[in-house]
Every structure is written in C-alpha cells, then in structure tokens.
Amino acid sequence: MGRGTGVAFAAQIARHAGLTAVTTLSVGLGPLIVFLCALSRPGFRAARPRRAELCCAALSLAALVGWGISADPTIALALSILADGCAAVPTVVKCHRQPGSEDRTVYALMGLSAVLTLATLPAWTFPAAGFSCYLLALCAVLLVLLSHQDRRVPGREAALPP
C-alpha cells in the first residue's frame, strides 16, 4: 500500500470515519499488489527514476514526516492526501504524454467508488469525505487526459473509401 494511502486509512480509522475508509484501503491495495508483482521482473530493478519522480517521492515523504510530527489524525489525513497527490504527479504526466499506456476502466471504477462512498455518507466531515473527494478529483483529471488519446489502433491504416 502506498505510504500516503496507508496513512490516510489509519487516520480515517482513528477519526472513526467508518466504512468510508474501505475506499481508501482498496485504493492503496491495488498499487501495492502491482508494486510487489513488479519487483519480480528483472527489468524493474534496472529502471532508474527520473528527477521529477524523485521530487514527488521527496514531497510525499515530507508530508508523512509532517504527520509524524503533528500526531493529529486530521492533519495526517490532509498530509496523506498531499503525499498521494505528489505521488500521483508522474501518473498524471504519463496520462498526458502517453494516454494509450493507461486503461481508463481502472480510473473510472476508482472514481465510481469515490462517488458511491460520498453518496452514502451520513455526515460530510473531512475525515469521512476528504480522501474520496480527492480521489474523485484525481480520477476526473486522469479520465479527461485519457479521453484525448488517439482512437486509432496502432499499425492499422485508415481504410480509404473506394
């Protein structure tokens, strides 16, 4: 699970956010499983992160350190959303530069999960709604970027009329 998402989940539990924390947990488990699977690939260890990716990782870690210093679950949730947002920057850039490399279904389902979570909230508090609002906004941005992908299939030329 991403550190930011794990902290957000723990902060929501500490603030008694209830079942809304399940969305946060599920969003974090997916990337964790992908990361663990990627570790088994030989090419993964040879890959070097770019400078921008390292900056995003540093900002994510700084947000986590800020939470550790504050020891307040609400601040932890806010900083974990910031950390997750920093960690999402490379994905946003990739969706902009290479929209064909990502699957819209994943982000559509994550956005739907956020919408359903928000629709079932008995009370709109930051611990209950904060991460789902962030997730919905992130998924909306990614889906807009991915909707601009070239719809042509690579390697297939458009058929000319006779």
Protein backbone atom coordinates (compact mmCIF):
# COMPACT_ATOMS: atom_id res chain seq x y z
CA MET A 1 0.00 0.00 0.00
CA GLY A 2 1.29 3.46 -0.80
CA ARG A 3 2.52 5.20 2.32
CA GLY A 4 0.19 8.15 1.76
CA THR A 5 -2.82 5.90 1.31
CA GLY A 6 -1.87 3.77 4.31
CA VAL A 7 -1.60 6.87 6.48
CA ALA A 8 -4.94 8.16 5.15
CA PHE A 9 -6.58 4.84 6.00
CA ALA A 10 -5.09 4.84 9.51
CA ALA A 11 -6.14 8.47 10.04
CA GLN A 12 -9.70 7.72 8.94
CA ILE A 13 -9.87 4.79 11.33
CA ALA A 14 -8.50 6.99 14.14
CA ARG A 15 -11.21 9.57 13.41
CA HIS A 16 -13.93 6.88 13.25
CA ALA A 17 -14.72 7.52 9.59
CA GLY A 18 -16.35 4.10 9.38
CA LEU A 19 -16.89 2.22 6.15
CA THR A 20 -15.73 5.17 4.06
CA ALA A 21 -12.19 4.11 4.99
CA VAL A 22 -12.70 0.95 2.90
CA THR A 23 -12.43 3.03 -0.29
CA THR A 24 -9.11 4.41 0.90
CA LEU A 25 -7.88 0.93 1.77
CA SER A 26 -8.91 -0.52 -1.59
CA VAL A 27 -7.22 2.33 -3.49
CA GLY A 28 -3.99 1.58 -1.65
CA LEU A 29 -4.03 -2.19 -2.04
CA GLY A 30 -4.10 -2.11 -5.86
CA PRO A 31 -0.82 -0.20 -6.27
CA LEU A 32 0.78 -2.32 -3.55
CA ILE A 33 -0.04 -5.52 -5.42
CA VAL A 34 1.25 -4.04 -8.70
CA PHE A 35 4.46 -2.93 -6.97
CA LEU A 36 5.03 -6.36 -5.43
CA CYS A 37 4.47 -8.03 -8.81
CA ALA A 38 6.84 -5.58 -10.49
CA LEU A 39 9.59 -6.47 -8.02
CA SER A 40 9.71 -9.93 -9.55
CA ARG A 41 10.54 -8.56 -13.00
CA PRO A 42 14.27 -8.29 -13.78
CA GLY A 43 13.83 -5.01 -15.70
CA PHE A 44 12.25 -3.32 -12.68
CA ARG A 45 15.47 -3.29 -10.68
CA ALA A 46 17.41 -1.81 -13.61
CA ALA A 47 14.97 1.09 -14.10
CA ARG A 48 16.08 4.46 -12.76
CA PRO A 49 13.54 7.04 -11.57
CA ARG A 50 13.55 10.45 -13.22
CA ARG A 51 14.34 13.63 -11.32
CA ALA A 52 10.65 14.69 -11.28
CA GLU A 53 9.64 11.31 -9.85
CA LEU A 54 12.26 11.66 -7.11
CA CYS A 55 10.94 15.15 -6.28
CA CYS A 56 7.41 13.76 -5.99
CA ALA A 57 8.68 10.99 -3.73
CA ALA A 58 10.52 13.55 -1.56
CA LEU A 59 7.36 15.67 -1.22
CA SER A 60 5.40 12.55 -0.29
CA LEU A 61 7.92 11.65 2.39
CA ALA A 62 7.93 15.24 3.69
CA ALA A 63 4.15 15.09 4.11
CA LEU A 64 4.49 11.83 6.02
CA VAL A 65 7.15 13.35 8.29
CA GLY A 66 4.83 16.31 8.91
CA TRP A 67 2.14 13.89 10.02
CA GLY A 68 4.56 12.13 12.33
CA ILE A 69 5.47 15.45 13.93
CA SER A 70 1.86 16.61 14.33
CA ALA A 71 0.42 13.29 15.64
CA ASP A 72 -3.08 14.57 14.76
CA PRO A 73 -5.18 12.18 12.63
CA THR A 74 -6.93 15.03 10.78
CA ILE A 75 -3.60 16.61 9.86
CA ALA A 76 -2.36 13.13 8.97
CA LEU A 77 -5.25 12.71 6.56
CA ALA A 78 -4.63 16.11 4.95
CA LEU A 79 -0.91 15.44 4.61
CA SER A 80 -1.52 11.94 3.27
CA ILE A 81 -3.80 13.39 0.59
CA LEU A 82 -0.99 15.83 -0.24
CA ALA A 83 1.52 12.95 -0.29
CA ASP A 84 -0.73 10.85 -2.52
CA GLY A 85 -1.23 13.83 -4.82
CA CYS A 86 2.53 14.28 -5.11
CA ALA A 87 2.94 10.58 -5.82
CA ALA A 88 0.21 10.82 -8.50
CA VAL A 89 2.03 13.52 -10.49
CA PRO A 90 4.07 11.02 -12.56
CA THR A 91 0.86 9.16 -13.44
CA VAL A 92 -0.84 12.41 -14.49
CA VAL A 93 2.16 13.30 -16.66
CA LYS A 94 2.20 9.82 -18.18
CA CYS A 95 -1.53 10.01 -18.95
CA HIS A 96 -0.94 13.34 -20.67
CA ARG A 97 2.11 12.24 -22.68
CA GLN A 98 1.16 8.61 -23.38
CA PRO A 99 -2.61 8.26 -22.97
CA GLY A 100 -2.63 4.88 -24.69
CA SER A 101 -0.46 3.40 -21.94
CA GLU A 102 -3.17 3.51 -19.27
CA ASP A 103 -6.55 1.83 -19.02
CA ARG A 104 -9.49 4.17 -18.43
CA THR A 105 -11.54 1.42 -16.80
CA VAL A 106 -9.37 1.42 -13.68
CA TYR A 107 -9.77 5.16 -13.12
CA ALA A 108 -13.47 5.06 -13.97
CA LEU A 109 -14.04 2.34 -11.36
CA MET A 110 -11.97 4.20 -8.76
CA GLY A 111 -13.99 7.35 -9.47
CA LEU A 112 -17.22 5.38 -9.19
CA SER A 113 -16.04 4.01 -5.86
CA ALA A 114 -15.45 7.57 -4.64
CA VAL A 115 -18.88 8.70 -5.87
CA LEU A 116 -20.63 5.79 -4.15
CA THR A 117 -18.71 6.44 -0.94
CA LEU A 118 -19.64 10.12 -1.00
CA ALA A 119 -23.28 9.30 -1.77
CA THR A 120 -23.55 7.10 1.30
CA LEU A 121 -22.03 9.49 3.83
CA PRO A 122 -24.34 10.21 6.75
CA ALA A 123 -22.34 13.37 7.55
CA TRP A 124 -19.86 15.28 5.42
CA THR A 125 -16.79 15.63 7.57
CA PHE A 126 -13.21 15.92 6.41
CA PRO A 127 -12.17 12.54 7.88
CA ALA A 128 -15.10 10.83 6.14
CA ALA A 129 -15.18 12.68 2.81
CA GLY A 130 -11.69 14.14 2.32
CA PHE A 131 -9.93 11.23 0.65
CA SER A 132 -12.93 10.31 -1.50
CA CYS A 133 -13.24 13.91 -2.75
CA TYR A 134 -9.54 13.92 -3.60
CA LEU A 135 -9.83 10.54 -5.32
CA LEU A 136 -12.81 11.69 -7.38
CA ALA A 137 -10.95 14.83 -8.50
CA LEU A 138 -7.83 12.84 -9.40
CA CYS A 139 -9.80 10.26 -11.38
CA ALA A 140 -11.68 13.01 -13.20
CA VAL A 141 -8.39 14.64 -14.26
CA LEU A 142 -6.94 11.31 -15.39
CA LEU A 143 -10.07 10.39 -17.33
CA VAL A 144 -10.10 13.76 -19.10
CA LEU A 145 -6.44 13.28 -20.08
CA LEU A 146 -7.08 9.72 -21.23
CA SER A 147 -10.13 10.73 -23.27
CA HIS A 148 -7.84 12.65 -25.62
CA GLN A 149 -5.95 9.54 -26.70
CA ASP A 150 -5.78 8.76 -30.39
CA ARG A 151 -8.55 6.26 -31.04
CA ARG A 152 -6.75 4.66 -33.99
CA VAL A 153 -5.31 1.21 -33.47
CA PRO A 154 -1.51 1.27 -33.94
CA GLY A 155 -0.36 -0.50 -37.08
CA ARG A 156 -3.71 -0.19 -38.83
CA GLU A 157 -4.14 2.41 -41.52
CA ALA A 158 -7.49 4.06 -42.01
CA ALA A 159 -9.35 2.45 -44.89
CA LEU A 160 -9.76 4.77 -47.82
CA PRO A 161 -13.15 4.86 -49.50
CA PRO A 162 -13.27 3.24 -52.96
